[in-house]
Amino acid sequence: MSGVKKTITPHCGRATFANLFIKIPAYNIIDLMKIMGHKEVKTSLCYIGHKSIGNDSSN
């Protein structure tokens, strides 16, 4: 149809949603965490490209 040959994974879809959702001024990371069903904020942060707090292996 479109000629695009890339496979889109569920993770890619969730990351796209998270990045678009977090840009809406009325919402924040806690709202994203709840809507995605995460128990911890750090999981939601991974979806928007932030490293987990406390997992810095560069030290």
C-alpha atoms as a PDB file:
ATOM      1  CA  MET A   1       0.000   0.000   0.000  1.00  0.00           C
ATOM      2  CA  SER A   2       2.270   2.745   1.247  1.00  0.00           C
ATOM      3  CA  GLY A   3       5.558   1.090   0.354  1.00  0.00           C
ATOM      4  CA  VAL A   4       6.852   1.373   3.942  1.00  0.00           C
ATOM      5  CA  LYS A   5       8.598  -1.840   4.878  1.00  0.00           C
ATOM      6  CA  LYS A   6       9.295  -1.115   8.569  1.00  0.00           C
ATOM      7  CA  THR A   7       7.666  -3.286  11.211  1.00  0.00           C
ATOM      8  CA  ILE A   8       6.049  -1.256  13.968  1.00  0.00           C
ATOM      9  CA  THR A   9       6.209  -2.940  17.365  1.00  0.00           C
ATOM     10  CA  PRO A  10       3.809  -2.418  20.283  1.00  0.00           C
ATOM     11  CA  HIS A  11       6.663  -0.702  22.169  1.00  0.00           C
ATOM     12  CA  CYS A  12       7.102   1.760  19.308  1.00  0.00           C
ATOM     13  CA  GLY A  13       3.382   2.544  19.359  1.00  0.00           C
ATOM     14  CA  ARG A  14       3.376   3.063  23.129  1.00  0.00           C
ATOM     15  CA  ALA A  15       6.451   5.292  22.934  1.00  0.00           C
ATOM     16  CA  THR A  16       4.840   7.381  20.181  1.00  0.00           C
ATOM     17  CA  PHE A  17       1.682   7.747  22.257  1.00  0.00           C
ATOM     18  CA  ALA A  18       3.681   8.683  25.382  1.00  0.00           C
ATOM     19  CA  ASN A  19       5.697  11.336  23.567  1.00  0.00           C
ATOM     20  CA  LEU A  20       2.610  12.933  22.037  1.00  0.00           C
ATOM     21  CA  PHE A  21       0.583  12.713  25.262  1.00  0.00           C
ATOM     22  CA  ILE A  22       3.270  14.337  27.428  1.00  0.00           C
ATOM     23  CA  LYS A  23       3.366  17.373  25.108  1.00  0.00           C
ATOM     24  CA  ILE A  24      -0.253  18.253  25.939  1.00  0.00           C
ATOM     25  CA  PRO A  25       0.011  21.083  28.501  1.00  0.00           C
ATOM     26  CA  ALA A  26      -2.901  19.824  30.622  1.00  0.00           C
ATOM     27  CA  TYR A  27      -1.148  16.495  31.379  1.00  0.00           C
ATOM     28  CA  ASN A  28       2.006  15.462  33.232  1.00  0.00           C
ATOM     29  CA  ILE A  29       4.116  12.356  33.843  1.00  0.00           C
ATOM     30  CA  ILE A  30       1.787  11.117  36.619  1.00  0.00           C
ATOM     31  CA  ASP A  31      -1.166  11.218  34.213  1.00  0.00           C
ATOM     32  CA  LEU A  32       0.904   9.299  31.656  1.00  0.00           C
ATOM     33  CA  MET A  33       1.929   6.742  34.275  1.00  0.00           C
ATOM     34  CA  LYS A  34      -1.710   6.100  35.186  1.00  0.00           C
ATOM     35  CA  ILE A  35      -3.038   5.892  31.634  1.00  0.00           C
ATOM     36  CA  MET A  36      -0.265   3.481  30.593  1.00  0.00           C
ATOM     37  CA  GLY A  37      -0.821   1.305  33.658  1.00  0.00           C
ATOM     38  CA  HIS A  38       2.634   1.718  35.141  1.00  0.00           C
ATOM     39  CA  LYS A  39       3.270   1.369  38.875  1.00  0.00           C
ATOM     40  CA  GLU A  40       6.398   3.521  38.863  1.00  0.00           C
ATOM     41  CA  VAL A  41       7.188   6.847  37.216  1.00  0.00           C
ATOM     42  CA  LYS A  42      10.581   5.586  36.050  1.00  0.00           C
ATOM     43  CA  THR A  43       8.856   3.108  33.732  1.00  0.00           C
ATOM     44  CA  SER A  44       6.907   5.930  32.091  1.00  0.00           C
ATOM     45  CA  LEU A  45      10.063   8.015  31.807  1.00  0.00           C
ATOM     46  CA  CYS A  46      11.666   5.251  29.735  1.00  0.00           C
ATOM     47  CA  TYR A  47       8.902   5.635  27.150  1.00  0.00           C
ATOM     48  CA  ILE A  48       9.643   9.322  26.662  1.00  0.00           C
ATOM     49  CA  GLY A  49      13.403   8.848  26.380  1.00  0.00           C
ATOM     50  CA  HIS A  50      14.567   9.602  29.909  1.00  0.00           C
ATOM     51  CA  LYS A  51      17.059   7.389  31.705  1.00  0.00           C
ATOM     52  CA  SER A  52      15.971   5.748  34.925  1.00  0.00           C
ATOM     53  CA  ILE A  53      17.040   7.507  38.075  1.00  0.00           C
ATOM     54  CA  GLY A  54      19.744   5.519  39.836  1.00  0.00           C
ATOM     55  CA  ASN A  55      20.727   3.420  36.821  1.00  0.00           C
ATOM     56  CA  ASP A  56      23.587   5.579  35.583  1.00  0.00           C
ATOM     57  CA  SER A  57      26.394   3.158  34.726  1.00  0.00           C
ATOM     58  CA  SER A  58      28.812   5.936  33.721  1.00  0.00           C
ATOM     59  CA  ASN A  59      30.147   6.355  37.299  1.00  0.00           C
END
